[in-house]
Amino acid sequence: MLAKARRKLDRAGCRNVGFHSGDAGEGLPFAARTFDVAFLAAVIGEVPDAAACVRALAGVLRPGGVLVFFEGFLDPDRFSVARLRALAEPEGFAFLDTDGDRWRDFVRFTRLG
C-alpha cells in the first residue's frame, strides 16, 4: 500500500510527503508535535490497540493539528463516527466534522492544546 501511495502522489506532483510503516501502539519514532495532519484510511479497525495508536498520534500532532479517519461502508472493521469520537476525544482531540455518504465517512478531529 505504501508503494502504491508513493506512485500516486508522485504522479500528482506531491513531493512533501513521507511514509512510515510500523506499530503506532508501540509509539512513533518522531519528535513530539511534529506533524500538522495524520490521515488513516480504513486502518484503525485493523489496529490491535486502537487507543494506543490514537494516543501516539496525539503525541506527534501539533496543537491545532488535524486527525482524519476515512472509513468505508464495505470494510468489515469499519468504525462508526460515534466509535471514532469515543476513541479520539479522551486522547485530547476535539471533533470537527464528518463528511461522506452512505458508502464512506471522513471524520476530522483537531488536537487540543
N, C-alpha and C. Protein backbone atom coordinates (compact mmCIF):
# COMPACT_ATOMS: atom_id res chain seq x y z
N MET A 1 0.81 -1.19 0.00
CA MET A 1 0.00 0.00 0.00
C MET A 1 0.86 1.26 0.00
N LEU A 2 1.99 1.22 0.72
CA LEU A 2 2.86 2.39 0.72
C LEU A 2 3.43 2.67 -0.66
N ALA A 3 3.84 1.61 -1.34
CA ALA A 3 4.38 1.78 -2.70
C ALA A 3 3.32 2.36 -3.63
N LYS A 4 2.10 1.89 -3.51
CA LYS A 4 1.01 2.40 -4.33
C LYS A 4 0.77 3.88 -4.03
N ALA A 5 0.75 4.25 -2.75
CA ALA A 5 0.55 5.65 -2.37
C ALA A 5 1.68 6.52 -2.89
N ARG A 6 2.92 6.02 -2.79
CA ARG A 6 4.07 6.80 -3.30
C ARG A 6 3.92 7.08 -4.78
N ARG A 7 3.56 6.05 -5.55
CA ARG A 7 3.40 6.22 -7.01
C ARG A 7 2.31 7.23 -7.33
N LYS A 8 1.18 7.12 -6.66
CA LYS A 8 0.07 8.04 -6.95
C LYS A 8 0.42 9.48 -6.58
N LEU A 9 1.04 9.66 -5.43
CA LEU A 9 1.40 11.02 -5.02
C LEU A 9 2.50 11.59 -5.90
N ASP A 10 3.43 10.74 -6.31
CA ASP A 10 4.49 11.19 -7.21
C ASP A 10 3.90 11.66 -8.53
N ARG A 11 2.98 10.89 -9.07
CA ARG A 11 2.32 11.27 -10.33
C ARG A 11 1.52 12.56 -10.18
N ALA A 12 1.00 12.80 -8.97
CA ALA A 12 0.22 14.01 -8.73
C ALA A 12 1.11 15.22 -8.43
N GLY A 13 2.43 14.98 -8.35
CA GLY A 13 3.35 16.08 -8.10
C GLY A 13 3.53 16.43 -6.64
N CYS A 14 3.05 15.60 -5.74
CA CYS A 14 3.20 15.84 -4.30
C CYS A 14 4.56 15.33 -3.85
N ARG A 15 5.40 16.24 -3.40
CA ARG A 15 6.76 15.87 -3.03
C ARG A 15 7.03 15.99 -1.53
N ASN A 16 6.23 16.77 -0.82
CA ASN A 16 6.46 16.99 0.61
C ASN A 16 5.67 15.97 1.43
N VAL A 17 5.87 14.69 1.13
CA VAL A 17 5.14 13.61 1.78
C VAL A 17 6.14 12.55 2.20
N GLY A 18 5.98 12.06 3.42
CA GLY A 18 6.83 10.98 3.89
C GLY A 18 5.99 9.77 4.24
N PHE A 19 6.61 8.63 4.29
CA PHE A 19 5.92 7.39 4.58
C PHE A 19 6.65 6.64 5.67
N HIS A 20 5.87 6.00 6.52
CA HIS A 20 6.47 5.19 7.59
C HIS A 20 5.54 4.04 7.89
N SER A 21 6.10 2.87 8.02
CA SER A 21 5.33 1.69 8.39
C SER A 21 5.80 1.23 9.76
N GLY A 22 4.88 0.92 10.61
CA GLY A 22 5.26 0.46 11.95
C GLY A 22 4.03 0.21 12.79
N ASP A 23 4.26 0.03 14.07
CA ASP A 23 3.19 -0.24 15.03
C ASP A 23 3.03 0.98 15.92
N ALA A 24 2.01 1.79 15.65
CA ALA A 24 1.80 3.01 16.43
C ALA A 24 1.49 2.71 17.88
N GLY A 25 0.98 1.52 18.16
CA GLY A 25 0.71 1.14 19.53
C GLY A 25 1.96 1.04 20.38
N GLU A 26 3.09 0.92 19.72
CA GLU A 26 4.38 0.86 20.43
C GLU A 26 5.08 2.21 20.43
N GLY A 27 4.38 3.25 20.02
CA GLY A 27 4.95 4.59 19.94
C GLY A 27 5.45 4.86 18.54
N LEU A 28 5.63 6.12 18.26
CA LEU A 28 6.08 6.54 16.93
C LEU A 28 7.47 7.16 17.03
N PRO A 29 8.33 6.90 16.05
CA PRO A 29 9.71 7.39 16.11
C PRO A 29 9.87 8.83 15.62
N PHE A 30 9.00 9.70 16.08
CA PHE A 30 9.04 11.10 15.67
C PHE A 30 8.99 11.99 16.91
N ALA A 31 9.54 13.17 16.78
CA ALA A 31 9.51 14.12 17.89
C ALA A 31 8.08 14.57 18.16
N ALA A 32 7.82 14.95 19.40
CA ALA A 32 6.51 15.46 19.79
C ALA A 32 6.15 16.69 18.98
N ARG A 33 4.87 16.80 18.67
CA ARG A 33 4.32 17.98 17.99
C ARG A 33 5.01 18.27 16.65
N THR A 34 5.27 17.23 15.89
CA THR A 34 5.98 17.35 14.63
C THR A 34 5.06 17.58 13.43
N PHE A 35 3.87 17.00 13.45
CA PHE A 35 3.03 16.94 12.25
C PHE A 35 1.80 17.82 12.34
N ASP A 36 1.35 18.27 11.16
CA ASP A 36 0.13 19.06 11.04
C ASP A 36 -1.10 18.18 10.82
N VAL A 37 -0.91 17.05 10.16
CA VAL A 37 -2.03 16.18 9.79
C VAL A 37 -1.62 14.72 9.91
N ALA A 38 -2.55 13.91 10.39
CA ALA A 38 -2.42 12.45 10.33
C ALA A 38 -3.69 11.94 9.65
N PHE A 39 -3.52 11.07 8.66
CA PHE A 39 -4.64 10.56 7.87
C PHE A 39 -4.60 9.04 7.91
N LEU A 40 -5.68 8.44 8.40
CA LEU A 40 -5.78 6.99 8.48
C LEU A 40 -6.92 6.53 7.59
N ALA A 41 -6.62 5.77 6.57
CA ALA A 41 -7.63 5.30 5.62
C ALA A 41 -7.93 3.83 5.86
N ALA A 42 -9.10 3.55 6.40
CA ALA A 42 -9.58 2.18 6.62
C ALA A 42 -8.54 1.34 7.35
N VAL A 43 -7.93 1.93 8.38
CA VAL A 43 -6.88 1.21 9.08
C VAL A 43 -7.15 1.03 10.57
N ILE A 44 -7.87 1.94 11.22
CA ILE A 44 -7.98 1.89 12.67
C ILE A 44 -8.65 0.61 13.15
N GLY A 45 -9.54 0.06 12.36
CA GLY A 45 -10.18 -1.21 12.73
C GLY A 45 -9.24 -2.41 12.66
N GLU A 46 -8.10 -2.23 12.02
CA GLU A 46 -7.11 -3.30 11.90
C GLU A 46 -6.06 -3.24 13.00
N VAL A 47 -6.05 -2.15 13.76
CA VAL A 47 -5.02 -1.92 14.78
C VAL A 47 -5.39 -2.67 16.06
N PRO A 48 -4.49 -3.50 16.58
CA PRO A 48 -4.82 -4.27 17.79
C PRO A 48 -5.16 -3.39 19.00
N ASP A 49 -4.47 -2.28 19.18
CA ASP A 49 -4.75 -1.37 20.29
C ASP A 49 -5.02 0.02 19.72
N ALA A 50 -6.27 0.24 19.33
CA ALA A 50 -6.64 1.50 18.67
C ALA A 50 -6.40 2.69 19.58
N ALA A 51 -6.67 2.56 20.87
CA ALA A 51 -6.46 3.67 21.80
C ALA A 51 -4.99 4.05 21.87
N ALA A 52 -4.11 3.07 21.92
CA ALA A 52 -2.67 3.35 21.96
C ALA A 52 -2.22 4.02 20.66
N CYS A 53 -2.79 3.63 19.55
CA CYS A 53 -2.47 4.25 18.26
C CYS A 53 -2.86 5.72 18.26
N VAL A 54 -4.08 6.02 18.69
CA VAL A 54 -4.55 7.41 18.71
C VAL A 54 -3.74 8.22 19.72
N ARG A 55 -3.39 7.62 20.83
CA ARG A 55 -2.55 8.29 21.83
C ARG A 55 -1.19 8.66 21.23
N ALA A 56 -0.60 7.74 20.47
CA ALA A 56 0.68 8.00 19.82
C ALA A 56 0.54 9.12 18.79
N LEU A 57 -0.54 9.13 18.05
CA LEU A 57 -0.77 10.20 17.07
C LEU A 57 -0.96 11.53 17.77
N ALA A 58 -1.63 11.53 18.91
CA ALA A 58 -1.80 12.77 19.68
C ALA A 58 -0.45 13.34 20.08
N GLY A 59 0.50 12.47 20.36
CA GLY A 59 1.83 12.93 20.76
C GLY A 59 2.62 13.60 19.65
N VAL A 60 2.40 13.17 18.42
CA VAL A 60 3.20 13.72 17.32
C VAL A 60 2.49 14.82 16.53
N LEU A 61 1.20 15.03 16.80
CA LEU A 61 0.48 16.12 16.14
C LEU A 61 0.62 17.39 16.97
N ARG A 62 0.85 18.49 16.28
CA ARG A 62 0.94 19.78 16.97
C ARG A 62 -0.45 20.20 17.44
N PRO A 63 -0.54 21.05 18.45
CA PRO A 63 -1.86 21.59 18.83
C PRO A 63 -2.48 22.29 17.62
N GLY A 64 -3.73 22.02 17.37
CA GLY A 64 -4.39 22.55 16.18
C GLY A 64 -4.24 21.65 14.98
N GLY A 65 -3.39 20.63 15.10
CA GLY A 65 -3.23 19.68 14.01
C GLY A 65 -4.52 18.88 13.81
N VAL A 66 -4.61 18.22 12.67
CA VAL A 66 -5.84 17.54 12.30
C VAL A 66 -5.60 16.03 12.16
N LEU A 67 -6.49 15.27 12.76
CA LEU A 67 -6.52 13.82 12.62
C LEU A 67 -7.74 13.47 11.79
N VAL A 68 -7.51 12.76 10.68
CA VAL A 68 -8.60 12.43 9.76
C VAL A 68 -8.69 10.91 9.62
N PHE A 69 -9.89 10.41 9.77
CA PHE A 69 -10.17 8.99 9.53
C PHE A 69 -11.04 8.87 8.30
N PHE A 70 -10.70 7.91 7.44
CA PHE A 70 -11.58 7.53 6.34
C PHE A 70 -12.06 6.12 6.65
N GLU A 71 -13.36 5.95 6.64
CA GLU A 71 -13.95 4.64 6.89
C GLU A 71 -14.94 4.32 5.78
N GLY A 72 -14.77 3.16 5.14
CA GLY A 72 -15.64 2.75 4.05
C GLY A 72 -16.69 1.76 4.51
N PHE A 73 -17.87 1.86 3.95
CA PHE A 73 -19.01 1.04 4.35
C PHE A 73 -18.74 -0.45 4.24
N LEU A 74 -18.05 -0.88 3.21
CA LEU A 74 -17.85 -2.32 3.00
C LEU A 74 -16.75 -2.92 3.86
N ASP A 75 -16.01 -2.10 4.57
CA ASP A 75 -14.95 -2.59 5.44
C ASP A 75 -15.59 -3.28 6.65
N PRO A 76 -15.34 -4.56 6.85
CA PRO A 76 -15.96 -5.25 8.00
C PRO A 76 -15.46 -4.73 9.35
N ASP A 77 -14.34 -4.02 9.37
CA ASP A 77 -13.79 -3.47 10.60
C ASP A 77 -14.03 -1.96 10.71
N ARG A 78 -15.00 -1.48 9.98
CA ARG A 78 -15.31 -0.04 9.95
C ARG A 78 -15.70 0.46 11.34
N PHE A 79 -15.16 1.62 11.70
CA PHE A 79 -15.54 2.29 12.93
C PHE A 79 -16.60 3.34 12.59
N SER A 80 -17.64 3.41 13.38
CA SER A 80 -18.66 4.44 13.20
C SER A 80 -18.12 5.79 13.68
N VAL A 81 -18.82 6.85 13.33
CA VAL A 81 -18.43 8.18 13.79
C VAL A 81 -18.46 8.21 15.32
N ALA A 82 -19.49 7.64 15.92
CA ALA A 82 -19.60 7.62 17.39
C ALA A 82 -18.43 6.86 18.02
N ARG A 83 -18.04 5.77 17.41
CA ARG A 83 -16.91 5.00 17.95
C ARG A 83 -15.59 5.76 17.80
N LEU A 84 -15.42 6.45 16.69
CA LEU A 84 -14.21 7.26 16.50
C LEU A 84 -14.16 8.40 17.51
N ARG A 85 -15.30 9.01 17.78
CA ARG A 85 -15.34 10.07 18.79
C ARG A 85 -14.98 9.52 20.16
N ALA A 86 -15.52 8.37 20.50
CA ALA A 86 -15.23 7.75 21.80
C ALA A 86 -13.76 7.39 21.92
N LEU A 87 -13.12 7.13 20.81
CA LEU A 87 -11.70 6.78 20.78
C LEU A 87 -10.82 8.03 20.84
N ALA A 88 -11.14 9.05 20.06
CA ALA A 88 -10.26 10.21 19.91
C ALA A 88 -10.42 11.27 21.00
N GLU A 89 -11.62 11.54 21.41
CA GLU A 89 -11.85 12.63 22.35
C GLU A 89 -11.14 12.44 23.69
N PRO A 90 -11.10 11.24 24.28
CA PRO A 90 -10.36 11.08 25.53
C PRO A 90 -8.84 11.26 25.39
N GLU A 91 -8.34 11.22 24.14
CA GLU A 91 -6.90 11.35 23.90
C GLU A 91 -6.50 12.78 23.53
N GLY A 92 -7.39 13.74 23.77
CA GLY A 92 -7.03 15.13 23.54
C GLY A 92 -7.43 15.69 22.20
N PHE A 93 -8.40 15.09 21.56
CA PHE A 93 -8.90 15.57 20.27
C PHE A 93 -10.32 16.09 20.42
N ALA A 94 -10.64 17.12 19.66
CA ALA A 94 -12.00 17.64 19.59
C ALA A 94 -12.57 17.32 18.21
N PHE A 95 -13.78 16.86 18.19
CA PHE A 95 -14.48 16.54 16.94
C PHE A 95 -14.67 17.83 16.14
N LEU A 96 -14.30 17.79 14.86
CA LEU A 96 -14.53 18.93 13.96
C LEU A 96 -15.78 18.72 13.12
N ASP A 97 -15.75 17.66 12.31
CA ASP A 97 -16.88 17.41 11.43
C ASP A 97 -16.75 16.05 10.78
N THR A 98 -17.78 15.71 10.06
CA THR A 98 -17.76 14.48 9.27
C THR A 98 -18.36 14.80 7.91
N ASP A 99 -17.86 14.14 6.90
CA ASP A 99 -18.35 14.32 5.55
C ASP A 99 -18.39 12.95 4.91
N GLY A 100 -19.31 12.73 4.06
CA GLY A 100 -19.39 11.45 3.38
C GLY A 100 -20.79 11.16 2.91
N ASP A 101 -21.05 9.90 2.72
CA ASP A 101 -22.37 9.46 2.28
C ASP A 101 -22.59 8.07 2.85
N ARG A 102 -23.55 7.35 2.33
CA ARG A 102 -23.84 6.03 2.90
C ARG A 102 -22.73 5.02 2.67
N TRP A 103 -21.76 5.33 1.82
CA TRP A 103 -20.69 4.40 1.50
C TRP A 103 -19.37 4.70 2.19
N ARG A 104 -19.22 5.93 2.67
CA ARG A 104 -17.93 6.28 3.27
C ARG A 104 -18.09 7.48 4.20
N ASP A 105 -17.18 7.58 5.15
CA ASP A 105 -17.14 8.71 6.07
C ASP A 105 -15.72 9.25 6.15
N PHE A 106 -15.60 10.56 6.14
CA PHE A 106 -14.37 11.24 6.50
C PHE A 106 -14.69 11.94 7.82
N VAL A 107 -13.93 11.62 8.86
CA VAL A 107 -14.20 12.16 10.18
C VAL A 107 -12.95 12.91 10.63
N ARG A 108 -13.13 14.21 10.96
CA ARG A 108 -11.99 15.06 11.31
C ARG A 108 -12.04 15.49 12.77
N PHE A 109 -10.84 15.49 13.36
CA PHE A 109 -10.66 15.95 14.73
C PHE A 109 -9.50 16.95 14.74
N THR A 110 -9.48 17.82 15.73
CA THR A 110 -8.32 18.70 15.92
C THR A 110 -7.69 18.39 17.26
N ARG A 111 -6.36 18.51 17.28
CA ARG A 111 -5.59 18.26 18.50
C ARG A 111 -5.69 19.47 19.40
N LEU A 112 -6.15 19.27 20.62
CA LEU A 112 -6.26 20.36 21.58
C LEU A 112 -4.89 20.66 22.16
N GLY A 113 -4.74 21.91 22.66
CA GLY A 113 -3.53 22.43 23.25
C GLY A 113 -2.70 21.48 23.99
